[in-house]
């Protein structure tokens, strides 16, 4: 137990304002480190992309990723009879923290600080938890439930990341920046593409271990050649929409997203070259050395584009149509 200290007006039991502020800052930093540890432990591809962001945007993306990952772990790893109650509690903690700016759950605390500063709210958070809850009860999707699930589990995460990118350099007192329709479409498409690629990569585990099949009409034994081609075409269209919106992002976010897009382009190409039976049996991966090469090429290309813009005097949109 911490010792009781006199407050500024002689009250016993409250810390002086300076001590309180320092303690709050330490708690915030500790929460941010907890989120960073979650990302580092679970994702190399996403983690590599965040290294191309500025410090504030990187911390905020780590906070978004950590909350999403913890919820996913509740429904996929924990599972069982109490998973619904655990997810309800995580959602309730998140709602309270969005309102108060504080949580005893370090991951939720970091997310709430990010959300309150960047304009993430119930419009994104509620559909996300609804999709996570669907994983506890829905094992086979039709087209409608599939689209609803992808929106809540992935597209809104893309929208959360977009809010982070647009508000990374926003000064205190300035209004929260909001994207235009074209940038929103790109962010949603990016989240959808990443999710659908991961569905394909996890096809065997989802069907065999969790009893789920996300793609409508695909049997637990895996997709037919025609079904796999249709899925790959759909993902390709999503990636094209996301790529079209890249110039609308702030420069550093544009580079980070372009690098992550390039990694998923590589995954999509590898999946396209894999027979349907093998897609079910093995998880397609990009090795770390290949990831580094892809990232280096992308960063080099983005740097060349920036030089070209300066030389020619042209400039692509870089504010996401923020209003």
C-alpha atoms as a PDB file:
ATOM      1  CA  UNK A   1       0.000   0.000   0.000  1.00  0.00           C
ATOM      2  CA  UNK A   2       1.312   3.469  -0.824  1.00  0.00           C
ATOM      3  CA  UNK A   3       1.845   5.833   2.059  1.00  0.00           C
ATOM      4  CA  UNK A   4      -0.767   8.506   2.596  1.00  0.00           C
ATOM      5  CA  UNK A   5       0.506  11.946   1.671  1.00  0.00           C
ATOM      6  CA  UNK A   6      -0.953  15.358   2.462  1.00  0.00           C
ATOM      7  CA  UNK A   7      -2.667  17.025  -0.481  1.00  0.00           C
ATOM      8  CA  UNK A   8      -2.086  20.620  -1.568  1.00  0.00           C
ATOM      9  CA  UNK A   9      -4.701  21.936   0.882  1.00  0.00           C
ATOM     10  CA  UNK A  10      -3.507  19.808   3.767  1.00  0.00           C
ATOM     11  CA  UNK A  11      -5.875  16.930   2.982  1.00  0.00           C
ATOM     12  CA  UNK A  12      -4.579  13.533   4.013  1.00  0.00           C
ATOM     13  CA  UNK A  13      -4.820  10.675   1.540  1.00  0.00           C
ATOM     14  CA  UNK A  14      -4.399  12.472  -1.788  1.00  0.00           C
ATOM     15  CA  UNK A  15      -1.127  13.118  -3.595  1.00  0.00           C
ATOM     16  CA  UNK A  16       0.034  16.648  -4.475  1.00  0.00           C
ATOM     17  CA  UNK A  17      -0.917  17.689  -7.988  1.00  0.00           C
ATOM     18  CA  UNK A  18       2.630  17.312  -9.287  1.00  0.00           C
ATOM     19  CA  UNK A  19       2.967  13.822  -7.874  1.00  0.00           C
ATOM     20  CA  UNK A  20      -0.449  12.861  -9.203  1.00  0.00           C
ATOM     21  CA  UNK A  21       0.439  14.086 -12.704  1.00  0.00           C
ATOM     22  CA  UNK A  22       3.730  12.191 -12.666  1.00  0.00           C
ATOM     23  CA  UNK A  23       1.995   9.025 -11.493  1.00  0.00           C
ATOM     24  CA  UNK A  24      -0.657   9.363 -14.195  1.00  0.00           C
ATOM     25  CA  UNK A  25       2.013   9.810 -16.865  1.00  0.00           C
ATOM     26  CA  UNK A  26       3.828   6.725 -15.599  1.00  0.00           C
ATOM     27  CA  UNK A  27       0.589   4.730 -15.726  1.00  0.00           C
ATOM     28  CA  UNK A  28      -0.043   5.921 -19.299  1.00  0.00           C
ATOM     29  CA  UNK A  29       3.464   4.915 -20.366  1.00  0.00           C
ATOM     30  CA  UNK A  30       3.098   1.522 -18.716  1.00  0.00           C
ATOM     31  CA  UNK A  31      -0.202   0.947 -20.527  1.00  0.00           C
ATOM     32  CA  UNK A  32       1.442   1.893 -23.819  1.00  0.00           C
ATOM     33  CA  UNK A  33       4.270  -0.580 -23.174  1.00  0.00           C
ATOM     34  CA  UNK A  34       1.718  -3.304 -22.463  1.00  0.00           C
ATOM     35  CA  UNK A  35       0.077  -2.704 -25.844  1.00  0.00           C
ATOM     36  CA  UNK A  36       3.470  -2.677 -27.571  1.00  0.00           C
ATOM     37  CA  UNK A  37       4.251  -6.043 -25.991  1.00  0.00           C
ATOM     38  CA  UNK A  38       0.992  -7.524 -27.321  1.00  0.00           C
ATOM     39  CA  UNK A  39       1.788  -6.420 -30.862  1.00  0.00           C
ATOM     40  CA  UNK A  40       5.384  -7.622 -30.650  1.00  0.00           C
ATOM     41  CA  UNK A  41       4.243 -11.006 -29.383  1.00  0.00           C
ATOM     42  CA  UNK A  42       1.588 -11.661 -32.011  1.00  0.00           C
ATOM     43  CA  UNK A  43       2.407 -10.031 -35.351  1.00  0.00           C
ATOM     44  CA  UNK A  44       5.624  -9.518 -37.291  1.00  0.00           C
ATOM     45  CA  UNK A  45       3.979  -8.142 -40.453  1.00  0.00           C
ATOM     46  CA  UNK A  46       1.882  -5.543 -38.650  1.00  0.00           C
ATOM     47  CA  UNK A  47       4.767  -4.774 -36.311  1.00  0.00           C
ATOM     48  CA  UNK A  48       7.171  -4.097 -39.168  1.00  0.00           C
ATOM     49  CA  UNK A  49       4.686  -1.727 -40.760  1.00  0.00           C
ATOM     50  CA  UNK A  50       4.238   0.294 -37.561  1.00  0.00           C
ATOM     51  CA  UNK A  51       7.973   1.005 -37.422  1.00  0.00           C
ATOM     52  CA  UNK A  52       7.522   3.306 -40.390  1.00  0.00           C
ATOM     53  CA  UNK A  53       5.110   5.533 -38.461  1.00  0.00           C
ATOM     54  CA  UNK A  54       5.950   8.482 -36.243  1.00  0.00           C
ATOM     55  CA  UNK A  55       6.147   7.828 -32.469  1.00  0.00           C
ATOM     56  CA  UNK A  56       2.628   8.992 -31.613  1.00  0.00           C
ATOM     57  CA  UNK A  57       0.902   7.193 -34.483  1.00  0.00           C
ATOM     58  CA  UNK A  58       2.885   4.058 -33.700  1.00  0.00           C
ATOM     59  CA  UNK A  59       1.775   4.099 -30.054  1.00  0.00           C
ATOM     60  CA  UNK A  60      -1.827   4.628 -31.096  1.00  0.00           C
ATOM     61  CA  UNK A  61      -1.763   1.787 -33.639  1.00  0.00           C
ATOM     62  CA  UNK A  62      -0.222  -0.488 -31.013  1.00  0.00           C
ATOM     63  CA  UNK A  63      -3.100   0.403 -28.689  1.00  0.00           C
ATOM     64  CA  UNK A  64      -5.717  -0.391 -31.338  1.00  0.00           C
ATOM     65  CA  UNK A  65      -4.043  -3.676 -32.250  1.00  0.00           C
ATOM     66  CA  UNK A  66      -3.733  -4.796 -28.625  1.00  0.00           C
ATOM     67  CA  UNK A  67      -7.427  -4.379 -27.814  1.00  0.00           C
ATOM     68  CA  UNK A  68      -8.439  -6.155 -31.022  1.00  0.00           C
ATOM     69  CA  UNK A  69      -6.020  -8.986 -30.298  1.00  0.00           C
ATOM     70  CA  UNK A  70      -7.173  -9.470 -26.699  1.00  0.00           C
ATOM     71  CA  UNK A  71     -10.812  -9.715 -27.810  1.00  0.00           C
ATOM     72  CA  UNK A  72      -9.826 -12.218 -30.484  1.00  0.00           C
ATOM     73  CA  UNK A  73      -7.972 -14.296 -27.902  1.00  0.00           C
ATOM     74  CA  UNK A  74     -11.077 -14.401 -25.719  1.00  0.00           C
ATOM     75  CA  UNK A  75     -13.185 -16.002 -28.449  1.00  0.00           C
ATOM     76  CA  UNK A  76     -10.531 -18.105 -30.204  1.00  0.00           C
ATOM     77  CA  UNK A  77      -8.015 -19.179 -27.562  1.00  0.00           C
ATOM     78  CA  UNK A  78     -10.005 -19.071 -24.338  1.00  0.00           C
ATOM     79  CA  UNK A  79     -13.383 -20.089 -25.772  1.00  0.00           C
ATOM     80  CA  UNK A  80     -15.512 -22.269 -23.543  1.00  0.00           C
ATOM     81  CA  UNK A  81     -18.570 -21.574 -21.466  1.00  0.00           C
ATOM     82  CA  UNK A  82     -17.257 -18.362 -19.896  1.00  0.00           C
ATOM     83  CA  UNK A  83     -15.975 -16.737 -23.093  1.00  0.00           C
ATOM     84  CA  UNK A  84     -19.198 -14.783 -23.589  1.00  0.00           C
ATOM     85  CA  UNK A  85     -19.031 -13.348 -20.070  1.00  0.00           C
ATOM     86  CA  UNK A  86     -15.347 -12.487 -20.515  1.00  0.00           C
ATOM     87  CA  UNK A  87     -16.076 -10.711 -23.791  1.00  0.00           C
ATOM     88  CA  UNK A  88     -18.977  -8.837 -22.183  1.00  0.00           C
ATOM     89  CA  UNK A  89     -16.655  -7.663 -19.422  1.00  0.00           C
ATOM     90  CA  UNK A  90     -13.985  -6.543 -21.886  1.00  0.00           C
ATOM     91  CA  UNK A  91     -16.598  -4.599 -23.836  1.00  0.00           C
ATOM     92  CA  UNK A  92     -17.928  -3.030 -20.645  1.00  0.00           C
ATOM     93  CA  UNK A  93     -14.409  -2.073 -19.551  1.00  0.00           C
ATOM     94  CA  UNK A  94     -13.854  -0.466 -22.938  1.00  0.00           C
ATOM     95  CA  UNK A  95     -17.121   1.499 -22.792  1.00  0.00           C
ATOM     96  CA  UNK A  96     -16.324   2.767 -19.287  1.00  0.00           C
ATOM     97  CA  UNK A  97     -12.822   3.773 -20.322  1.00  0.00           C
ATOM     98  CA  UNK A  98     -14.065   5.602 -23.411  1.00  0.00           C
ATOM     99  CA  UNK A  99     -16.286   7.646 -21.113  1.00  0.00           C
ATOM    100  CA  UNK A 100     -13.789   8.213 -18.298  1.00  0.00           C
ATOM    101  CA  UNK A 101     -10.372   7.950 -19.944  1.00  0.00           C
ATOM    102  CA  UNK A 102      -9.221   5.438 -17.348  1.00  0.00           C
ATOM    103  CA  UNK A 103      -9.142   1.681 -16.868  1.00  0.00           C
ATOM    104  CA  UNK A 104      -7.533  -0.812 -14.509  1.00  0.00           C
ATOM    105  CA  UNK A 105      -6.971  -2.973 -17.605  1.00  0.00           C
ATOM    106  CA  UNK A 106      -3.745  -1.601 -19.116  1.00  0.00           C
ATOM    107  CA  UNK A 107      -4.624  -2.587 -22.706  1.00  0.00           C
ATOM    108  CA  UNK A 108      -8.063  -0.997 -22.412  1.00  0.00           C
ATOM    109  CA  UNK A 109      -6.547   2.088 -20.802  1.00  0.00           C
ATOM    110  CA  UNK A 110      -4.113   2.567 -23.701  1.00  0.00           C
ATOM    111  CA  UNK A 111      -6.892   2.067 -26.245  1.00  0.00           C
ATOM    112  CA  UNK A 112      -9.196   4.542 -24.504  1.00  0.00           C
ATOM    113  CA  UNK A 113      -6.516   7.242 -24.477  1.00  0.00           C
ATOM    114  CA  UNK A 114      -5.970   6.711 -28.198  1.00  0.00           C
ATOM    115  CA  UNK A 115      -9.689   6.604 -28.976  1.00  0.00           C
ATOM    116  CA  UNK A 116     -10.537   9.755 -27.061  1.00  0.00           C
ATOM    117  CA  UNK A 117      -7.726  11.711 -28.736  1.00  0.00           C
ATOM    118  CA  UNK A 118      -8.330  10.497 -32.293  1.00  0.00           C
ATOM    119  CA  UNK A 119     -12.121  10.350 -32.442  1.00  0.00           C
ATOM    120  CA  UNK A 120     -12.660   6.575 -32.292  1.00  0.00           C
ATOM    121  CA  UNK A 121     -15.979   5.822 -30.625  1.00  0.00           C
ATOM    122  CA  UNK A 122     -18.988   3.514 -30.421  1.00  0.00           C
ATOM    123  CA  UNK A 123     -19.520   3.673 -34.192  1.00  0.00           C
ATOM    124  CA  UNK A 124     -16.352   1.595 -34.550  1.00  0.00           C
ATOM    125  CA  UNK A 125     -16.179  -0.212 -31.221  1.00  0.00           C
ATOM    126  CA  UNK A 126     -19.734  -1.582 -31.083  1.00  0.00           C
ATOM    127  CA  UNK A 127     -19.657  -3.396 -34.470  1.00  0.00           C
ATOM    128  CA  UNK A 128     -16.253  -4.812 -33.568  1.00  0.00           C
ATOM    129  CA  UNK A 129     -17.507  -6.454 -30.388  1.00  0.00           C
ATOM    130  CA  UNK A 130     -20.644  -7.636 -32.199  1.00  0.00           C
ATOM    131  CA  UNK A 131     -18.480  -9.544 -34.691  1.00  0.00           C
ATOM    132  CA  UNK A 132     -16.340 -10.985 -31.909  1.00  0.00           C
ATOM    133  CA  UNK A 133     -19.513 -12.164 -30.186  1.00  0.00           C
ATOM    134  CA  UNK A 134     -20.671 -13.811 -33.417  1.00  0.00           C
ATOM    135  CA  UNK A 135     -17.599 -16.048 -33.289  1.00  0.00           C
ATOM    136  CA  UNK A 136     -19.057 -17.654 -30.168  1.00  0.00           C
ATOM    137  CA  UNK A 137     -22.298 -18.736 -31.832  1.00  0.00           C
ATOM    138  CA  UNK A 138     -22.029 -18.607 -35.643  1.00  0.00           C
ATOM    139  CA  UNK A 139     -20.077 -21.379 -37.353  1.00  0.00           C
ATOM    140  CA  UNK A 140     -21.359 -21.111 -40.940  1.00  0.00           C
ATOM    141  CA  UNK A 141     -21.964 -17.806 -42.715  1.00  0.00           C
ATOM    142  CA  UNK A 142     -24.252 -16.809 -45.541  1.00  0.00           C
ATOM    143  CA  UNK A 143     -23.355 -13.797 -47.669  1.00  0.00           C
ATOM    144  CA  UNK A 144     -25.170 -11.320 -45.431  1.00  0.00           C
ATOM    145  CA  UNK A 145     -23.644 -12.521 -42.162  1.00  0.00           C
ATOM    146  CA  UNK A 146     -20.223 -12.803 -43.811  1.00  0.00           C
ATOM    147  CA  UNK A 147     -20.294  -9.167 -44.946  1.00  0.00           C
ATOM    148  CA  UNK A 148     -21.533  -8.062 -41.526  1.00  0.00           C
ATOM    149  CA  UNK A 149     -18.809 -10.053 -39.790  1.00  0.00           C
ATOM    150  CA  UNK A 150     -16.036  -8.678 -42.045  1.00  0.00           C
ATOM    151  CA  UNK A 151     -17.274  -5.139 -41.462  1.00  0.00           C
ATOM    152  CA  UNK A 152     -17.212  -5.477 -37.681  1.00  0.00           C
ATOM    153  CA  UNK A 153     -14.074  -7.564 -37.346  1.00  0.00           C
ATOM    154  CA  UNK A 154     -11.895  -5.810 -39.918  1.00  0.00           C
ATOM    155  CA  UNK A 155     -13.319  -2.821 -41.767  1.00  0.00           C
ATOM    156  CA  UNK A 156     -13.959  -0.850 -38.585  1.00  0.00           C
ATOM    157  CA  UNK A 157     -10.399  -1.645 -37.498  1.00  0.00           C
ATOM    158  CA  UNK A 158      -9.258  -0.038 -40.736  1.00  0.00           C
ATOM    159  CA  UNK A 159     -11.387   2.981 -39.834  1.00  0.00           C
ATOM    160  CA  UNK A 160      -9.813   3.117 -36.353  1.00  0.00           C
ATOM    161  CA  UNK A 161      -6.358   3.117 -37.925  1.00  0.00           C
ATOM    162  CA  UNK A 162      -7.438   5.850 -40.329  1.00  0.00           C
ATOM    163  CA  UNK A 163      -8.498   8.066 -37.425  1.00  0.00           C
ATOM    164  CA  UNK A 164      -5.069   7.515 -35.891  1.00  0.00           C
ATOM    165  CA  UNK A 165      -3.294   8.479 -39.112  1.00  0.00           C
ATOM    166  CA  UNK A 166      -5.319  11.644 -39.644  1.00  0.00           C
ATOM    167  CA  UNK A 167      -4.913  12.866 -36.071  1.00  0.00           C
ATOM    168  CA  UNK A 168      -1.309  11.882 -35.347  1.00  0.00           C
ATOM    169  CA  UNK A 169      -0.106  15.488 -35.421  1.00  0.00           C
ATOM    170  CA  UNK A 170      -3.290  17.170 -34.221  1.00  0.00           C
ATOM    171  CA  UNK A 171      -2.562  19.775 -31.559  1.00  0.00           C
ATOM    172  CA  UNK A 172      -4.549  20.040 -28.302  1.00  0.00           C
ATOM    173  CA  UNK A 173      -7.630  22.149 -28.824  1.00  0.00           C
ATOM    174  CA  UNK A 174      -7.876  21.474 -32.551  1.00  0.00           C
ATOM    175  CA  UNK A 175     -10.989  19.625 -33.735  1.00  0.00           C
ATOM    176  CA  UNK A 176     -10.747  15.943 -34.512  1.00  0.00           C
ATOM    177  CA  UNK A 177     -10.053  15.365 -38.199  1.00  0.00           C
ATOM    178  CA  UNK A 178     -12.496  13.207 -40.145  1.00  0.00           C
ATOM    179  CA  UNK A 179     -11.883  11.517 -43.512  1.00  0.00           C
ATOM    180  CA  UNK A 180     -13.796  11.991 -46.736  1.00  0.00           C
ATOM    181  CA  UNK A 181     -15.801   9.199 -48.361  1.00  0.00           C
ATOM    182  CA  UNK A 182     -13.033   8.041 -50.714  1.00  0.00           C
ATOM    183  CA  UNK A 183     -10.553   7.638 -47.865  1.00  0.00           C
ATOM    184  CA  UNK A 184     -13.133   5.802 -45.760  1.00  0.00           C
ATOM    185  CA  UNK A 185     -13.734   3.395 -48.640  1.00  0.00           C
ATOM    186  CA  UNK A 186     -10.009   2.711 -48.928  1.00  0.00           C
ATOM    187  CA  UNK A 187      -9.635   2.066 -45.196  1.00  0.00           C
ATOM    188  CA  UNK A 188     -12.570  -0.326 -45.151  1.00  0.00           C
ATOM    189  CA  UNK A 189     -11.258  -2.160 -48.217  1.00  0.00           C
ATOM    190  CA  UNK A 190      -7.819  -2.491 -46.629  1.00  0.00           C
ATOM    191  CA  UNK A 191      -9.235  -4.052 -43.471  1.00  0.00           C
ATOM    192  CA  UNK A 192     -11.476  -6.372 -45.483  1.00  0.00           C
ATOM    193  CA  UNK A 193      -8.621  -7.566 -47.703  1.00  0.00           C
ATOM    194  CA  UNK A 194      -6.338  -8.321 -44.766  1.00  0.00           C
ATOM    195  CA  UNK A 195      -9.111 -10.229 -42.998  1.00  0.00           C
ATOM    196  CA  UNK A 196     -10.062 -12.309 -46.026  1.00  0.00           C
ATOM    197  CA  UNK A 197      -6.420 -13.226 -46.668  1.00  0.00           C
ATOM    198  CA  UNK A 198      -6.140 -14.351 -43.056  1.00  0.00           C
ATOM    199  CA  UNK A 199      -9.351 -16.364 -43.454  1.00  0.00           C
ATOM    200  CA  UNK A 200      -7.653 -18.222 -46.310  1.00  0.00           C
ATOM    201  CA  UNK A 201      -4.443 -18.693 -44.368  1.00  0.00           C
ATOM    202  CA  UNK A 202      -6.350 -20.065 -41.356  1.00  0.00           C
ATOM    203  CA  UNK A 203      -8.851 -22.119 -43.355  1.00  0.00           C
ATOM    204  CA  UNK A 204      -7.716 -25.457 -41.971  1.00  0.00           C
ATOM    205  CA  UNK A 205      -7.413 -24.334 -38.348  1.00  0.00           C
ATOM    206  CA  UNK A 206     -10.751 -22.525 -38.383  1.00  0.00           C
ATOM    207  CA  UNK A 207     -12.560 -25.566 -39.790  1.00  0.00           C
ATOM    208  CA  UNK A 208     -10.679 -28.255 -37.906  1.00  0.00           C
ATOM    209  CA  UNK A 209     -10.110 -26.673 -34.501  1.00  0.00           C
ATOM    210  CA  UNK A 210     -12.829 -24.041 -34.164  1.00  0.00           C
ATOM    211  CA  UNK A 211     -15.532 -25.535 -36.374  1.00  0.00           C
ATOM    212  CA  UNK A 212     -15.977 -22.327 -38.344  1.00  0.00           C
ATOM    213  CA  UNK A 213     -16.239 -21.555 -42.030  1.00  0.00           C
ATOM    214  CA  UNK A 214     -16.289 -17.860 -42.886  1.00  0.00           C
ATOM    215  CA  UNK A 215     -16.575 -18.014 -46.672  1.00  0.00           C
ATOM    216  CA  UNK A 216     -20.205 -18.582 -47.757  1.00  0.00           C
ATOM    217  CA  UNK A 217     -20.751 -21.856 -49.564  1.00  0.00           C
ATOM    218  CA  UNK A 218     -17.271 -23.241 -48.879  1.00  0.00           C
ATOM    219  CA  UNK A 219     -17.340 -26.732 -47.352  1.00  0.00           C
ATOM    220  CA  UNK A 220     -15.194 -27.704 -44.344  1.00  0.00           C
ATOM    221  CA  UNK A 221     -13.110 -29.759 -46.770  1.00  0.00           C
ATOM    222  CA  UNK A 222     -11.985 -26.544 -48.469  1.00  0.00           C
ATOM    223  CA  UNK A 223     -12.848 -24.427 -51.513  1.00  0.00           C
ATOM    224  CA  UNK A 224     -13.182 -25.734 -55.044  1.00  0.00           C
ATOM    225  CA  UNK A 225     -10.923 -24.285 -57.729  1.00  0.00           C
ATOM    226  CA  UNK A 226     -13.727 -21.976 -58.835  1.00  0.00           C
ATOM    227  CA  UNK A 227     -14.493 -20.851 -55.272  1.00  0.00           C
ATOM    228  CA  UNK A 228     -10.836 -20.128 -54.553  1.00  0.00           C
ATOM    229  CA  UNK A 229     -10.519 -18.073 -57.735  1.00  0.00           C
ATOM    230  CA  UNK A 230     -13.629 -16.073 -56.819  1.00  0.00           C
ATOM    231  CA  UNK A 231     -12.302 -15.405 -53.304  1.00  0.00           C
ATOM    232  CA  UNK A 232      -8.906 -14.330 -54.642  1.00  0.00           C
ATOM    233  CA  UNK A 233     -10.576 -12.029 -57.180  1.00  0.00           C
ATOM    234  CA  UNK A 234     -12.664 -10.437 -54.426  1.00  0.00           C
ATOM    235  CA  UNK A 235      -9.560  -9.836 -52.327  1.00  0.00           C
ATOM    236  CA  UNK A 236      -7.765  -8.386 -55.334  1.00  0.00           C
ATOM    237  CA  UNK A 237     -10.584  -5.897 -55.818  1.00  0.00           C
ATOM    238  CA  UNK A 238     -10.374  -4.904 -52.136  1.00  0.00           C
ATOM    239  CA  UNK A 239      -6.619  -4.363 -52.401  1.00  0.00           C
ATOM    240  CA  UNK A 240      -7.085  -2.242 -55.530  1.00  0.00           C
ATOM    241  CA  UNK A 241      -9.582   0.009 -53.713  1.00  0.00           C
ATOM    242  CA  UNK A 242      -7.207   0.328 -50.776  1.00  0.00           C
ATOM    243  CA  UNK A 243      -4.280   1.148 -53.059  1.00  0.00           C
ATOM    244  CA  UNK A 244      -6.299   3.821 -54.866  1.00  0.00           C
ATOM    245  CA  UNK A 245      -6.799   5.647 -51.560  1.00  0.00           C
ATOM    246  CA  UNK A 246      -3.113   5.566 -50.557  1.00  0.00           C
ATOM    247  CA  UNK A 247      -2.295   9.051 -51.919  1.00  0.00           C
ATOM    248  CA  UNK A 248      -4.953  10.503 -49.632  1.00  0.00           C
ATOM    249  CA  UNK A 249      -3.078   9.447 -46.476  1.00  0.00           C
ATOM    250  CA  UNK A 250      -0.490  11.544 -44.638  1.00  0.00           C
ATOM    251  CA  UNK A 251       3.038  10.829 -45.893  1.00  0.00           C
ATOM    252  CA  UNK A 252       4.342   8.550 -43.115  1.00  0.00           C
ATOM    253  CA  UNK A 253       1.059   6.667 -42.842  1.00  0.00           C
ATOM    254  CA  UNK A 254       1.084   6.270 -46.623  1.00  0.00           C
ATOM    255  CA  UNK A 255       4.517   4.629 -46.484  1.00  0.00           C
ATOM    256  CA  UNK A 256       3.548   2.311 -43.612  1.00  0.00           C
ATOM    257  CA  UNK A 257       0.294   1.238 -45.253  1.00  0.00           C
ATOM    258  CA  UNK A 258       1.984   0.780 -48.636  1.00  0.00           C
ATOM    259  CA  UNK A 259       4.573  -1.488 -47.002  1.00  0.00           C
ATOM    260  CA  UNK A 260       1.919  -3.589 -45.278  1.00  0.00           C
ATOM    261  CA  UNK A 261      -0.076  -3.724 -48.516  1.00  0.00           C
ATOM    262  CA  UNK A 262       2.998  -5.037 -50.319  1.00  0.00           C
ATOM    263  CA  UNK A 263       3.335  -7.855 -47.778  1.00  0.00           C
ATOM    264  CA  UNK A 264      -0.286  -8.863 -48.271  1.00  0.00           C
ATOM    265  CA  UNK A 265       0.139  -8.630 -52.049  1.00  0.00           C
ATOM    266  CA  UNK A 266       2.907 -11.198 -51.633  1.00  0.00           C
ATOM    267  CA  UNK A 267       0.667 -13.397 -49.507  1.00  0.00           C
ATOM    268  CA  UNK A 268      -2.120 -13.128 -52.074  1.00  0.00           C
ATOM    269  CA  UNK A 269       0.248 -14.136 -54.876  1.00  0.00           C
ATOM    270  CA  UNK A 270       1.463 -17.124 -52.857  1.00  0.00           C
ATOM    271  CA  UNK A 271      -2.108 -18.165 -52.104  1.00  0.00           C
ATOM    272  CA  UNK A 272      -3.005 -17.898 -55.781  1.00  0.00           C
ATOM    273  CA  UNK A 273      -0.151 -20.267 -56.593  1.00  0.00           C
ATOM    274  CA  UNK A 274      -1.256 -22.803 -53.960  1.00  0.00           C
ATOM    275  CA  UNK A 275      -3.695 -25.631 -54.855  1.00  0.00           C
ATOM    276  CA  UNK A 276      -6.958 -25.532 -52.855  1.00  0.00           C
ATOM    277  CA  UNK A 277      -6.091 -28.720 -50.958  1.00  0.00           C
ATOM    278  CA  UNK A 278      -2.809 -27.213 -49.789  1.00  0.00           C
ATOM    279  CA  UNK A 279      -4.508 -23.965 -48.774  1.00  0.00           C
ATOM    280  CA  UNK A 280      -6.556 -26.053 -46.349  1.00  0.00           C
ATOM    281  CA  UNK A 281      -3.591 -28.071 -45.081  1.00  0.00           C
ATOM    282  CA  UNK A 282      -0.879 -25.431 -44.648  1.00  0.00           C
ATOM    283  CA  UNK A 283      -0.700 -21.818 -43.492  1.00  0.00           C
ATOM    284  CA  UNK A 284       0.905 -19.721 -46.214  1.00  0.00           C
ATOM    285  CA  UNK A 285       3.573 -17.416 -44.796  1.00  0.00           C
ATOM    286  CA  UNK A 286       6.091 -14.852 -45.968  1.00  0.00           C
ATOM    287  CA  UNK A 287       9.484 -15.489 -44.381  1.00  0.00           C
ATOM    288  CA  UNK A 288      11.117 -12.700 -42.386  1.00  0.00           C
ATOM    289  CA  UNK A 289      13.924 -12.163 -44.946  1.00  0.00           C
ATOM    290  CA  UNK A 290      11.320 -11.826 -47.728  1.00  0.00           C
ATOM    291  CA  UNK A 291       9.333  -9.409 -45.581  1.00  0.00           C
ATOM    292  CA  UNK A 292      12.408  -7.230 -45.124  1.00  0.00           C
ATOM    293  CA  UNK A 293      13.060  -7.203 -48.877  1.00  0.00           C
ATOM    294  CA  UNK A 294       9.439  -6.306 -49.665  1.00  0.00           C
ATOM    295  CA  UNK A 295       9.427  -3.537 -47.068  1.00  0.00           C
ATOM    296  CA  UNK A 296      12.737  -2.115 -48.293  1.00  0.00           C
ATOM    297  CA  UNK A 297      11.508  -1.983 -51.885  1.00  0.00           C
ATOM    298  CA  UNK A 298       8.269  -0.314 -50.859  1.00  0.00           C
ATOM    299  CA  UNK A 299       9.953   2.283 -48.672  1.00  0.00           C
ATOM    300  CA  UNK A 300      12.409   3.014 -51.480  1.00  0.00           C
ATOM    301  CA  UNK A 301       9.558   3.479 -53.924  1.00  0.00           C
ATOM    302  CA  UNK A 302       7.709   5.811 -51.579  1.00  0.00           C
ATOM    303  CA  UNK A 303      10.867   7.856 -51.022  1.00  0.00           C
ATOM    304  CA  UNK A 304      11.364   8.161 -54.790  1.00  0.00           C
ATOM    305  CA  UNK A 305       7.782   9.359 -55.149  1.00  0.00           C
ATOM    306  CA  UNK A 306       8.384  12.025 -52.515  1.00  0.00           C
ATOM    307  CA  UNK A 307      11.507  13.256 -54.318  1.00  0.00           C
ATOM    308  CA  UNK A 308       9.630  13.309 -57.627  1.00  0.00           C
ATOM    309  CA  UNK A 309       6.865  15.406 -56.074  1.00  0.00           C
ATOM    310  CA  UNK A 310       9.388  17.937 -54.776  1.00  0.00           C
ATOM    311  CA  UNK A 311      11.233  18.137 -58.096  1.00  0.00           C
ATOM    312  CA  UNK A 312       8.118  18.497 -60.240  1.00  0.00           C
ATOM    313  CA  UNK A 313       6.278  20.695 -57.792  1.00  0.00           C
ATOM    314  CA  UNK A 314       3.298  18.350 -57.760  1.00  0.00           C
ATOM    315  CA  UNK A 315       1.729  17.100 -54.566  1.00  0.00           C
ATOM    316  CA  UNK A 316      -0.697  14.276 -53.929  1.00  0.00           C
ATOM    317  CA  UNK A 317      -3.516  14.639 -51.450  1.00  0.00           C
ATOM    318  CA  UNK A 318      -2.132  13.889 -47.998  1.00  0.00           C
ATOM    319  CA  UNK A 319      -4.818  14.769 -45.512  1.00  0.00           C
ATOM    320  CA  UNK A 320      -7.425  12.103 -46.220  1.00  0.00           C
ATOM    321  CA  UNK A 321      -9.884  14.835 -47.098  1.00  0.00           C
ATOM    322  CA  UNK A 322      -9.876  15.650 -43.394  1.00  0.00           C
ATOM    323  CA  UNK A 323     -12.427  18.183 -42.319  1.00  0.00           C
END
